[in-house]
N, C-alpha and C. Protein backbone atom coordinates (compact mmCIF):
# COMPACT_ATOMS: atom_id res chain seq x y z
N MET A 1 114.60 122.19 99.56
CA MET A 1 113.26 121.75 99.43
C MET A 1 112.91 121.41 98.04
N ASP A 2 112.26 120.30 97.82
CA ASP A 2 111.77 119.91 96.50
C ASP A 2 110.33 120.40 96.36
N ILE A 3 110.07 120.81 95.15
CA ILE A 3 108.73 121.38 94.90
C ILE A 3 108.31 120.86 93.52
N THR A 4 107.11 120.22 93.38
CA THR A 4 106.62 119.77 92.22
C THR A 4 105.35 120.72 91.79
N THR A 5 105.38 121.13 90.61
CA THR A 5 104.31 121.96 90.06
C THR A 5 103.61 121.20 88.88
N THR A 6 102.36 121.04 88.96
CA THR A 6 101.62 120.39 87.85
C THR A 6 100.48 121.32 87.44
N ILE A 7 100.35 121.42 86.15
CA ILE A 7 99.36 122.38 85.59
C ILE A 7 98.35 121.59 84.76
N ALA A 8 97.05 121.66 84.99
CA ALA A 8 95.99 121.01 84.21
C ALA A 8 95.00 122.07 83.95
N GLY A 9 94.92 122.52 82.63
CA GLY A 9 94.01 123.57 82.28
C GLY A 9 94.40 124.85 82.93
N THR A 10 93.50 125.39 83.75
CA THR A 10 93.73 126.61 84.43
C THR A 10 94.06 126.50 85.91
N THR A 11 94.33 125.21 86.33
CA THR A 11 94.59 124.89 87.72
C THR A 11 96.02 124.45 87.81
N ALA A 12 96.76 124.99 88.79
CA ALA A 12 98.09 124.71 89.13
C ALA A 12 98.07 123.95 90.50
N ARG A 13 98.76 122.89 90.58
CA ARG A 13 98.96 122.22 91.89
C ARG A 13 100.44 122.18 92.25
N ILE A 14 100.71 122.80 93.40
CA ILE A 14 102.11 122.86 93.84
C ILE A 14 102.25 122.04 95.06
N THR A 15 103.15 121.13 94.98
CA THR A 15 103.39 120.15 96.10
C THR A 15 104.77 120.39 96.65
N PRO A 16 104.87 120.87 97.86
CA PRO A 16 106.23 120.93 98.52
C PRO A 16 106.53 119.71 99.34
N TYR A 17 107.78 119.37 99.45
CA TYR A 17 108.21 118.21 100.20
C TYR A 17 109.11 118.64 101.31
N GLY A 18 108.74 118.23 102.51
CA GLY A 18 109.56 118.62 103.67
C GLY A 18 108.79 119.52 104.64
N GLU A 19 109.41 120.73 104.90
CA GLU A 19 108.86 121.63 105.82
C GLU A 19 108.87 123.05 105.25
N ILE A 20 107.81 123.83 105.75
CA ILE A 20 107.78 125.25 105.32
C ILE A 20 108.19 126.07 106.43
N ASP A 21 109.27 126.80 106.26
CA ASP A 21 109.75 127.75 107.24
C ASP A 21 110.37 129.00 106.51
N PHE A 22 111.06 129.83 107.29
CA PHE A 22 111.57 131.05 106.72
C PHE A 22 112.52 130.73 105.45
N HIS A 23 113.33 129.63 105.54
CA HIS A 23 114.28 129.31 104.57
C HIS A 23 113.60 128.76 103.25
N THR A 24 112.43 128.11 103.40
CA THR A 24 111.82 127.56 102.24
C THR A 24 110.74 128.43 101.69
N LEU A 25 110.43 129.48 102.31
CA LEU A 25 109.35 130.36 101.86
C LEU A 25 109.69 131.02 100.49
N PHE A 26 110.90 131.43 100.23
CA PHE A 26 111.24 132.01 98.99
C PHE A 26 111.09 131.18 97.83
N PRO A 27 111.63 129.90 97.88
CA PRO A 27 111.44 129.03 96.70
C PRO A 27 109.94 128.78 96.40
N LEU A 28 109.13 128.65 97.44
CA LEU A 28 107.73 128.45 97.26
C LEU A 28 107.08 129.61 96.58
N ARG A 29 107.45 130.81 97.07
CA ARG A 29 106.82 131.98 96.40
C ARG A 29 107.28 132.04 94.96
N MET A 30 108.53 131.75 94.71
CA MET A 30 109.06 131.72 93.26
C MET A 30 108.21 130.68 92.44
N ALA A 31 107.89 129.59 93.00
CA ALA A 31 107.05 128.61 92.20
C ALA A 31 105.76 129.23 91.81
N VAL A 32 105.14 130.06 92.67
CA VAL A 32 103.96 130.76 92.37
C VAL A 32 104.13 131.76 91.34
N GLU A 33 105.19 132.52 91.46
CA GLU A 33 105.52 133.62 90.46
C GLU A 33 105.73 133.08 89.07
N ARG A 34 106.25 131.91 88.97
CA ARG A 34 106.54 131.23 87.67
C ARG A 34 105.39 130.63 87.00
N LEU A 35 104.16 130.64 87.65
CA LEU A 35 103.03 130.01 86.94
C LEU A 35 102.62 130.81 85.81
N PRO A 36 102.13 130.12 84.75
CA PRO A 36 101.69 130.78 83.50
C PRO A 36 100.47 131.74 83.85
N VAL A 37 100.34 132.68 83.03
CA VAL A 37 99.32 133.69 83.24
C VAL A 37 97.85 133.17 83.12
N HIS A 38 97.71 132.08 82.39
CA HIS A 38 96.30 131.49 82.28
C HIS A 38 95.84 130.75 83.55
N VAL A 39 96.79 130.49 84.48
CA VAL A 39 96.30 129.86 85.74
C VAL A 39 95.53 130.77 86.63
N ASP A 40 94.32 130.32 86.97
CA ASP A 40 93.45 131.14 87.85
C ASP A 40 93.05 130.38 89.15
N ASP A 41 93.42 129.16 89.31
CA ASP A 41 93.19 128.32 90.53
C ASP A 41 94.52 127.71 90.99
N LEU A 42 94.82 127.97 92.27
CA LEU A 42 96.11 127.41 92.83
C LEU A 42 95.78 126.40 93.95
N LEU A 43 96.19 125.23 93.81
CA LEU A 43 96.01 124.16 94.86
C LEU A 43 97.30 123.83 95.40
N TRP A 44 97.39 124.08 96.71
CA TRP A 44 98.60 123.68 97.54
C TRP A 44 98.33 122.21 98.02
N ASP A 45 99.14 121.28 97.52
CA ASP A 45 99.06 119.86 97.88
C ASP A 45 100.04 119.64 99.04
N LEU A 46 99.61 119.53 100.23
CA LEU A 46 100.47 119.50 101.41
C LEU A 46 100.66 118.08 101.97
N LYS A 47 100.38 117.04 101.16
CA LYS A 47 100.45 115.69 101.71
C LYS A 47 101.87 115.23 102.06
N HIS A 48 102.88 115.90 101.51
CA HIS A 48 104.26 115.58 101.82
C HIS A 48 104.87 116.61 102.83
N LEU A 49 104.12 117.47 103.41
CA LEU A 49 104.54 118.52 104.32
C LEU A 49 104.51 117.97 105.77
N SER A 50 105.60 117.92 106.47
CA SER A 50 105.71 117.44 107.74
C SER A 50 105.56 118.54 108.83
N PHE A 51 105.82 119.78 108.50
CA PHE A 51 105.83 120.85 109.48
C PHE A 51 105.75 122.16 108.76
N THR A 52 105.06 123.15 109.43
CA THR A 52 105.10 124.52 108.97
C THR A 52 105.05 125.40 110.23
N ASP A 53 105.60 126.60 110.07
CA ASP A 53 105.46 127.62 111.06
C ASP A 53 104.78 128.82 110.48
N ILE A 54 104.97 129.95 111.10
CA ILE A 54 104.37 131.19 110.63
C ILE A 54 104.57 131.39 109.13
N ALA A 55 105.63 130.95 108.62
CA ALA A 55 105.89 131.06 107.15
C ALA A 55 104.87 130.38 106.31
N GLY A 56 104.35 129.29 106.70
CA GLY A 56 103.21 128.67 106.04
C GLY A 56 101.93 129.48 106.01
N LEU A 57 101.71 130.16 107.16
CA LEU A 57 100.57 131.10 107.22
C LEU A 57 100.74 132.23 106.23
N ARG A 58 101.95 132.76 106.20
CA ARG A 58 102.25 133.92 105.20
C ARG A 58 102.07 133.41 103.88
N LEU A 59 102.50 132.14 103.52
CA LEU A 59 102.45 131.66 102.09
C LEU A 59 100.96 131.53 101.82
N LEU A 60 100.12 130.98 102.69
CA LEU A 60 98.77 130.71 102.29
C LEU A 60 97.83 131.92 102.36
N PHE A 61 98.08 132.80 103.27
CA PHE A 61 97.20 133.90 103.56
C PHE A 61 97.78 135.32 103.11
N GLY A 62 99.04 135.37 102.73
CA GLY A 62 99.68 136.57 102.39
C GLY A 62 99.15 137.12 101.04
N PRO A 63 99.53 138.26 100.69
CA PRO A 63 99.13 138.77 99.45
C PRO A 63 99.75 137.94 98.20
N ALA A 64 98.95 137.92 97.11
CA ALA A 64 99.40 137.23 95.94
C ALA A 64 100.66 137.90 95.42
N PRO A 65 101.62 137.16 94.92
CA PRO A 65 102.82 137.78 94.33
C PRO A 65 102.33 138.72 93.15
N GLN A 66 103.10 139.76 92.95
CA GLN A 66 102.78 140.82 91.91
C GLN A 66 102.68 140.07 90.62
N GLY A 67 101.68 140.37 89.83
CA GLY A 67 101.52 139.85 88.48
C GLY A 67 100.71 138.63 88.44
N THR A 68 100.39 137.99 89.52
CA THR A 68 99.56 136.82 89.55
C THR A 68 98.14 137.20 89.42
N ARG A 69 97.29 136.29 88.87
CA ARG A 69 95.89 136.65 88.66
C ARG A 69 94.94 135.56 89.10
N TYR A 70 95.47 134.59 89.89
CA TYR A 70 94.54 133.50 90.23
C TYR A 70 93.57 134.04 91.28
N ARG A 71 92.42 133.49 91.13
CA ARG A 71 91.25 133.91 91.97
C ARG A 71 90.98 133.08 93.20
N ARG A 72 91.42 131.82 93.13
CA ARG A 72 91.15 130.81 94.29
C ARG A 72 92.38 130.08 94.60
N VAL A 73 92.54 130.06 95.90
CA VAL A 73 93.67 129.28 96.55
C VAL A 73 93.06 128.27 97.48
N THR A 74 93.34 126.97 97.31
CA THR A 74 92.81 125.92 98.20
C THR A 74 94.00 125.01 98.60
N VAL A 75 93.74 124.22 99.61
CA VAL A 75 94.73 123.39 100.22
C VAL A 75 94.17 122.02 100.30
N THR A 76 94.99 120.99 100.12
CA THR A 76 94.56 119.54 100.32
C THR A 76 95.77 118.84 100.94
N GLY A 77 95.42 117.69 101.56
CA GLY A 77 96.48 116.83 102.08
C GLY A 77 97.12 117.29 103.40
N LEU A 78 96.35 118.03 104.16
CA LEU A 78 96.84 118.59 105.44
C LEU A 78 97.04 117.46 106.46
N HIS A 79 98.28 117.43 107.00
CA HIS A 79 98.51 116.43 108.21
C HIS A 79 98.23 117.21 109.48
N GLU A 80 98.38 116.51 110.56
CA GLU A 80 97.99 117.04 111.82
C GLU A 80 98.68 118.39 112.23
N GLN A 81 99.96 118.47 112.20
CA GLN A 81 100.64 119.77 112.66
C GLN A 81 100.24 120.94 111.77
N PRO A 82 100.30 120.88 110.43
CA PRO A 82 99.90 122.06 109.69
C PRO A 82 98.36 122.38 109.89
N LEU A 83 97.58 121.39 110.00
CA LEU A 83 96.11 121.66 110.25
C LEU A 83 95.95 122.32 111.64
N GLN A 84 96.58 121.84 112.62
CA GLN A 84 96.46 122.44 113.94
C GLN A 84 96.93 123.92 113.98
N LEU A 85 97.98 124.17 113.17
CA LEU A 85 98.44 125.60 113.08
C LEU A 85 97.42 126.51 112.38
N LEU A 86 96.82 125.98 111.29
CA LEU A 86 95.75 126.76 110.66
C LEU A 86 94.54 127.01 111.57
N LEU A 87 94.11 125.91 112.32
CA LEU A 87 92.98 126.06 113.22
C LEU A 87 93.25 127.03 114.35
N LEU A 88 94.47 126.90 114.89
CA LEU A 88 94.88 127.84 115.98
C LEU A 88 94.94 129.23 115.51
N ALA A 89 95.40 129.52 114.35
CA ALA A 89 95.46 130.91 113.77
C ALA A 89 94.08 131.33 113.54
N ALA A 90 93.14 130.48 113.03
CA ALA A 90 91.79 130.83 112.81
C ALA A 90 91.00 131.11 114.19
N ASP A 91 91.35 130.35 115.16
CA ASP A 91 90.82 130.57 116.45
C ASP A 91 91.13 131.92 117.03
N LEU A 92 92.45 132.31 116.89
CA LEU A 92 92.94 133.56 117.47
C LEU A 92 92.68 134.74 116.63
N PHE A 93 92.71 134.54 115.36
CA PHE A 93 92.54 135.79 114.37
C PHE A 93 91.62 135.37 113.23
N PRO A 94 90.27 135.21 113.57
CA PRO A 94 89.35 134.69 112.55
C PRO A 94 89.21 135.60 111.30
N MET A 95 89.42 136.87 111.45
CA MET A 95 89.26 137.72 110.27
C MET A 95 90.51 137.68 109.36
N ALA A 96 91.66 137.32 109.97
CA ALA A 96 92.86 137.20 109.12
C ALA A 96 93.04 135.88 108.50
N TYR A 97 92.57 134.82 109.15
CA TYR A 97 92.88 133.45 108.76
C TYR A 97 91.53 132.72 108.59
N ASP A 98 90.98 132.93 107.43
CA ASP A 98 89.63 132.32 107.12
C ASP A 98 89.97 130.95 106.45
N VAL A 99 89.91 129.89 107.34
CA VAL A 99 90.22 128.55 106.87
C VAL A 99 89.20 128.04 105.89
N SER A 100 87.96 128.51 105.93
CA SER A 100 86.94 128.06 104.96
C SER A 100 87.30 128.48 103.57
N ARG A 101 88.12 129.56 103.48
CA ARG A 101 88.59 129.97 102.09
C ARG A 101 89.55 129.00 101.53
N LEU A 102 90.38 128.49 102.36
CA LEU A 102 91.46 127.48 101.90
C LEU A 102 90.98 126.10 101.68
N ILE A 103 90.04 125.77 102.55
CA ILE A 103 89.51 124.37 102.54
C ILE A 103 88.02 124.49 102.40
N PRO A 104 87.58 124.52 101.09
CA PRO A 104 86.16 124.87 100.80
C PRO A 104 85.10 123.94 101.46
N ASP A 105 85.53 122.73 101.83
CA ASP A 105 84.53 121.77 102.44
C ASP A 105 84.44 121.97 103.93
N THR A 106 85.12 122.97 104.49
CA THR A 106 85.13 123.19 105.95
C THR A 106 83.75 123.86 106.33
N PRO A 107 83.03 123.14 107.23
CA PRO A 107 81.70 123.75 107.57
C PRO A 107 81.86 125.03 108.28
N ALA A 108 81.02 126.03 108.11
CA ALA A 108 81.08 127.29 108.71
C ALA A 108 81.03 127.00 110.27
N GLY A 109 81.82 127.81 111.01
CA GLY A 109 81.83 127.65 112.44
C GLY A 109 82.61 126.49 113.03
N LEU A 110 83.34 125.75 112.14
CA LEU A 110 84.21 124.59 112.58
C LEU A 110 85.06 125.03 113.74
N VAL A 111 85.72 126.11 113.63
CA VAL A 111 86.73 126.58 114.63
C VAL A 111 85.99 126.87 115.96
N ALA A 112 84.91 127.51 115.86
CA ALA A 112 84.15 127.79 117.06
C ALA A 112 83.68 126.58 117.84
N ARG A 113 83.31 125.59 117.08
CA ARG A 113 82.83 124.31 117.71
C ARG A 113 83.94 123.56 118.39
N ARG A 114 85.19 123.80 118.00
CA ARG A 114 86.33 123.08 118.55
C ARG A 114 86.52 123.53 120.08
N LEU A 115 86.05 124.70 120.44
CA LEU A 115 86.34 125.20 121.82
C LEU A 115 85.45 124.68 122.77
């Protein structure tokens, strides 16, 4: 998997290319762990992501790697399959998968209105 990391001020943008699954989860977590200590916003740019499974949910909603101090994690560039997975997880487990935390422009109750 190719991963691009761009840092502007206190914001890091990590862009994975391909798919997020069990095999690509480790390099993505390593990309987060290697961020400088001054980074406090993490943006996952998923415009080049074609597929994700539960590993993507673990990456986006799991605990922050030890030693990181970012306060906000957001996502941009979601294509249909990753977005559907996020919405399904939010439908089934709304307390664990708060999509509005990842996508700040998501209106409250979006998932409930989909049903």
